[in-house]
Amino acid sequence: MTSKIAQLQALLYVAGDGGIKKEQLRDLLQVPELEIESLAKRLQEKLASDPDCGLQLLEINDEYKLTTSGEVSDLVEAYFNKDLTKNISQSALEILAIVAYRQPITRIEIDEIRGVNSSGALQTLVWRGLVKAQGVKDAPGHPKLYVTTDYFLQYFGYKSLADLPVIENFEDSSFDADGQVDLFAENGTADEALQKMEDL
């Protein structure tokens, strides 16, 4: 059986950028609140003392979250800056479509729809300015709600969310061999949109 510290670390990992409130951890781990503080401190010390670990545990407003440590901040920033020049991955497009059609939506709700953890790809979308956190859900832990941004509309050439394709209107020919449909294909990429603007 895993230790409480291992369970705490696992929960914070899947929670991603949203973190988890102290009272929610108390209910999940079924331990007193004071023990949550003790477990968090031990995990914090464990991560800080391991030179082969690039993570740290933070407490902000009674909420715990795992983040990358300051020692690797330059490397992480370089990764995201480099990623800004890339096309959006298939997994990120899936998340973007979910947010676009189901917003506002929490990361956990996105995970439930996809069946896998979406934290990394969602954070990439936030860094690229396509998605943003806007408010919190009135639910235990008060998870962040995510919505698309104005840049999302610019990126795909839409004037408003009302211009998004209506899923029921897609014909059979719109689906690929796996039964998937690219909701954003007809509007291209940001670079193409910007190029058209420059040509005007």
Protein backbone atom coordinates (compact mmCIF):
# COMPACT_ATOMS: atom_id res chain seq x y z
CA MET A 1 0.00 0.00 0.00
CA THR A 2 1.32 3.44 -0.91
CA SER A 3 2.17 5.96 1.78
CA LYS A 4 0.09 9.07 2.43
CA ILE A 5 2.92 11.19 1.04
CA ALA A 6 2.85 9.19 -2.20
CA GLN A 7 -0.92 9.58 -2.37
CA LEU A 8 -0.62 13.31 -1.77
CA GLN A 9 1.98 13.65 -4.52
CA ALA A 10 -0.20 11.66 -6.95
CA LEU A 11 -3.25 13.82 -6.24
CA LEU A 12 -1.32 17.05 -6.71
CA TYR A 13 0.17 15.72 -9.94
CA VAL A 14 -3.23 14.98 -11.51
CA ALA A 15 -4.63 18.27 -10.20
CA GLY A 16 -2.05 20.13 -12.28
CA ASP A 17 -2.05 23.91 -12.29
CA GLY A 18 -5.39 24.04 -10.49
CA GLY A 19 -4.00 22.65 -7.24
CA ILE A 20 -6.14 21.21 -4.45
CA LYS A 21 -7.63 22.93 -1.42
CA LYS A 22 -6.54 21.76 2.02
CA GLU A 23 -10.04 20.70 3.02
CA GLN A 24 -10.44 18.68 -0.18
CA LEU A 25 -7.17 16.86 0.50
CA ARG A 26 -8.39 16.15 4.02
CA ASP A 27 -11.50 14.45 2.62
CA LEU A 28 -9.64 12.58 -0.11
CA LEU A 29 -6.86 11.27 2.11
CA GLN A 30 -9.18 10.83 5.10
CA VAL A 31 -6.81 12.40 7.60
CA PRO A 32 -7.12 15.41 9.95
CA GLU A 33 -6.26 18.83 8.51
CA LEU A 34 -3.22 19.14 10.76
CA GLU A 35 -1.85 15.92 9.29
CA ILE A 36 -2.33 17.35 5.77
CA GLU A 37 -0.04 20.21 6.76
CA SER A 38 2.51 17.75 8.14
CA LEU A 39 2.37 15.57 5.02
CA ALA A 40 2.72 18.61 2.78
CA LYS A 41 5.75 19.84 4.70
CA ARG A 42 7.42 16.41 4.48
CA LEU A 43 6.74 16.18 0.75
CA GLN A 44 8.01 19.73 0.29
CA GLU A 45 11.26 18.87 2.09
CA LYS A 46 11.58 15.61 0.16
CA LEU A 47 11.31 17.38 -3.21
CA ALA A 48 13.64 20.21 -2.17
CA SER A 49 16.34 17.83 -0.91
CA ASP A 50 16.39 15.69 -4.06
CA PRO A 51 18.88 17.16 -6.60
CA ASP A 52 17.35 14.94 -9.28
CA CYS A 53 13.88 16.41 -8.83
CA GLY A 54 12.69 19.43 -10.80
CA LEU A 55 9.44 19.90 -8.89
CA GLN A 56 8.42 21.85 -5.82
CA LEU A 57 5.35 21.98 -3.60
CA LEU A 58 3.73 25.36 -3.05
CA GLU A 59 0.97 26.47 -0.68
CA ILE A 60 -1.07 29.46 -1.81
CA ASN A 61 -4.27 30.51 -0.02
CA ASP A 62 -4.77 27.10 1.64
CA GLU A 63 -4.26 25.42 -1.72
CA TYR A 64 -1.39 23.05 -2.50
CA LYS A 65 0.04 22.57 -5.97
CA LEU A 66 3.03 20.93 -7.64
CA THR A 67 5.03 23.23 -9.89
CA THR A 68 8.42 23.19 -11.56
CA SER A 69 11.19 24.47 -9.31
CA GLY A 70 12.94 27.78 -9.75
CA GLU A 71 16.19 26.02 -10.68
CA VAL A 72 14.69 24.79 -13.96
CA SER A 73 12.62 27.89 -14.76
CA ASP A 74 14.86 29.00 -17.63
CA LEU A 75 14.64 25.58 -19.25
CA VAL A 76 10.86 25.44 -18.88
CA GLU A 77 10.50 28.96 -20.30
CA ALA A 78 12.67 28.00 -23.26
CA TYR A 79 10.48 24.95 -23.89
CA PHE A 80 7.27 26.96 -23.94
CA ASN A 81 8.79 29.72 -26.04
CA LYS A 82 9.95 27.15 -28.55
CA ASP A 83 6.54 25.48 -28.48
CA LEU A 84 4.90 28.75 -29.50
CA THR A 85 6.36 28.34 -32.97
CA LYS A 86 4.96 24.84 -33.44
CA ASN A 87 1.63 23.69 -34.78
CA ILE A 88 -0.88 22.62 -32.15
CA SER A 89 -0.70 18.91 -31.28
CA GLN A 90 -3.67 16.61 -31.79
CA SER A 91 -4.22 16.24 -28.04
CA ALA A 92 -4.19 20.02 -27.59
CA LEU A 93 -6.69 20.39 -30.44
CA GLU A 94 -8.98 17.88 -28.72
CA ILE A 95 -8.83 19.91 -25.52
CA LEU A 96 -9.34 23.15 -27.41
CA ALA A 97 -12.45 21.75 -29.10
CA ILE A 98 -13.84 20.59 -25.75
CA VAL A 99 -13.25 23.99 -24.17
CA ALA A 100 -14.70 25.80 -27.19
CA TYR A 101 -17.95 23.82 -27.15
CA ARG A 102 -18.35 23.20 -23.41
CA GLN A 103 -16.97 26.39 -21.83
CA PRO A 104 -16.73 27.28 -19.07
CA ILE A 105 -15.27 23.92 -18.07
CA THR A 106 -12.83 22.62 -15.46
CA ARG A 107 -9.72 20.58 -16.19
CA ILE A 108 -11.17 17.59 -14.35
CA GLU A 109 -14.25 17.72 -16.58
CA ILE A 110 -11.97 17.80 -19.63
CA ASP A 111 -10.10 14.77 -18.26
CA GLU A 112 -13.38 12.91 -17.79
CA ILE A 113 -14.37 13.54 -21.40
CA ARG A 114 -10.98 12.52 -22.81
CA GLY A 115 -10.22 9.73 -20.35
CA VAL A 116 -6.65 10.93 -19.82
CA ASN A 117 -4.82 13.67 -17.91
CA SER A 118 -4.97 16.95 -19.83
CA SER A 119 -2.88 19.15 -17.55
CA GLY A 120 0.20 19.53 -19.77
CA ALA A 121 -1.63 20.17 -23.04
CA LEU A 122 -4.08 22.54 -21.34
CA GLN A 123 -1.21 24.54 -19.87
CA THR A 124 0.35 24.77 -23.33
CA LEU A 125 -2.91 26.23 -24.65
CA VAL A 126 -2.87 28.76 -21.81
CA TRP A 127 0.74 29.72 -22.62
CA ARG A 128 -0.19 30.13 -26.27
CA GLY A 129 -3.02 32.46 -25.33
CA LEU A 130 -5.80 30.30 -26.80
CA VAL A 131 -7.37 29.37 -23.45
CA LYS A 132 -7.52 31.18 -20.11
CA ALA A 133 -8.79 30.57 -16.59
CA GLN A 134 -11.84 32.65 -15.83
CA GLY A 135 -13.47 32.25 -12.46
CA VAL A 136 -13.98 29.10 -10.40
CA LYS A 137 -16.72 26.50 -10.22
CA ASP A 138 -19.04 26.42 -7.22
CA ALA A 139 -17.93 22.92 -6.24
CA PRO A 140 -15.62 21.32 -3.66
CA GLY A 141 -12.11 22.68 -4.12
CA HIS A 142 -13.41 25.52 -6.32
CA PRO A 143 -11.59 24.33 -9.48
CA LYS A 144 -10.72 26.88 -12.14
CA LEU A 145 -13.01 27.31 -15.10
CA TYR A 146 -11.42 27.54 -18.54
CA VAL A 147 -12.71 29.45 -21.56
CA THR A 148 -11.36 30.36 -24.98
CA THR A 149 -9.79 33.77 -25.59
CA ASP A 150 -10.22 36.45 -28.24
CA TYR A 151 -6.93 35.22 -29.72
CA PHE A 152 -8.57 31.82 -30.18
CA LEU A 153 -11.10 33.47 -32.48
CA GLN A 154 -8.31 35.30 -34.33
CA TYR A 155 -6.22 32.14 -34.60
CA PHE A 156 -8.97 30.19 -36.37
CA GLY A 157 -10.49 33.11 -38.25
CA TYR A 158 -13.80 33.34 -36.37
CA LYS A 159 -15.57 36.58 -35.49
CA SER A 160 -17.40 35.06 -32.52
CA LEU A 161 -18.12 31.71 -30.88
CA ALA A 162 -21.39 31.67 -32.82
CA ASP A 163 -19.29 31.04 -35.95
CA LEU A 164 -18.05 27.69 -34.64
CA PRO A 165 -19.21 24.78 -36.82
CA VAL A 166 -22.37 23.07 -35.62
CA ILE A 167 -21.34 19.48 -35.00
CA GLU A 168 -24.69 18.08 -36.19
CA ASN A 169 -24.11 19.71 -39.59
CA PHE A 170 -21.01 17.69 -40.47
CA GLU A 171 -21.45 15.25 -43.33
CA ASP A 172 -20.01 11.73 -43.32
CA SER A 173 -17.21 12.87 -45.63
CA SER A 174 -15.96 15.23 -42.92
CA PHE A 175 -14.87 12.35 -40.69
CA ASP A 176 -11.58 10.50 -41.04
CA ALA A 177 -10.96 6.76 -40.84
CA ASP A 178 -11.00 6.89 -37.05
CA GLY A 179 -14.32 8.68 -36.92
CA GLN A 180 -12.73 11.99 -35.98
CA VAL A 181 -13.46 15.40 -37.46
CA ASP A 182 -11.19 18.44 -37.52
CA LEU A 183 -13.42 21.24 -36.27
CA PHE A 184 -10.85 23.88 -37.11
CA ALA A 185 -9.47 22.63 -40.44
CA GLU A 186 -11.39 24.97 -42.72
CA ASN A 187 -10.02 28.05 -41.00
CA GLY A 188 -6.33 27.12 -41.07
CA THR A 189 -3.64 28.25 -38.67
CA ALA A 190 -2.70 31.54 -37.10
CA ASP A 191 0.25 31.98 -39.44
CA GLU A 192 -1.99 31.62 -42.49
CA ALA A 193 -4.51 34.07 -41.08
CA LEU A 194 -1.80 36.59 -40.31
CA GLN A 195 -0.31 36.18 -43.79
CA LYS A 196 -3.70 36.97 -45.34
CA MET A 197 -3.91 40.10 -43.21
CA GLU A 198 -0.43 41.19 -44.34
CA ASP A 199 -1.39 40.65 -48.00
CA LEU A 200 -4.35 43.03 -47.76
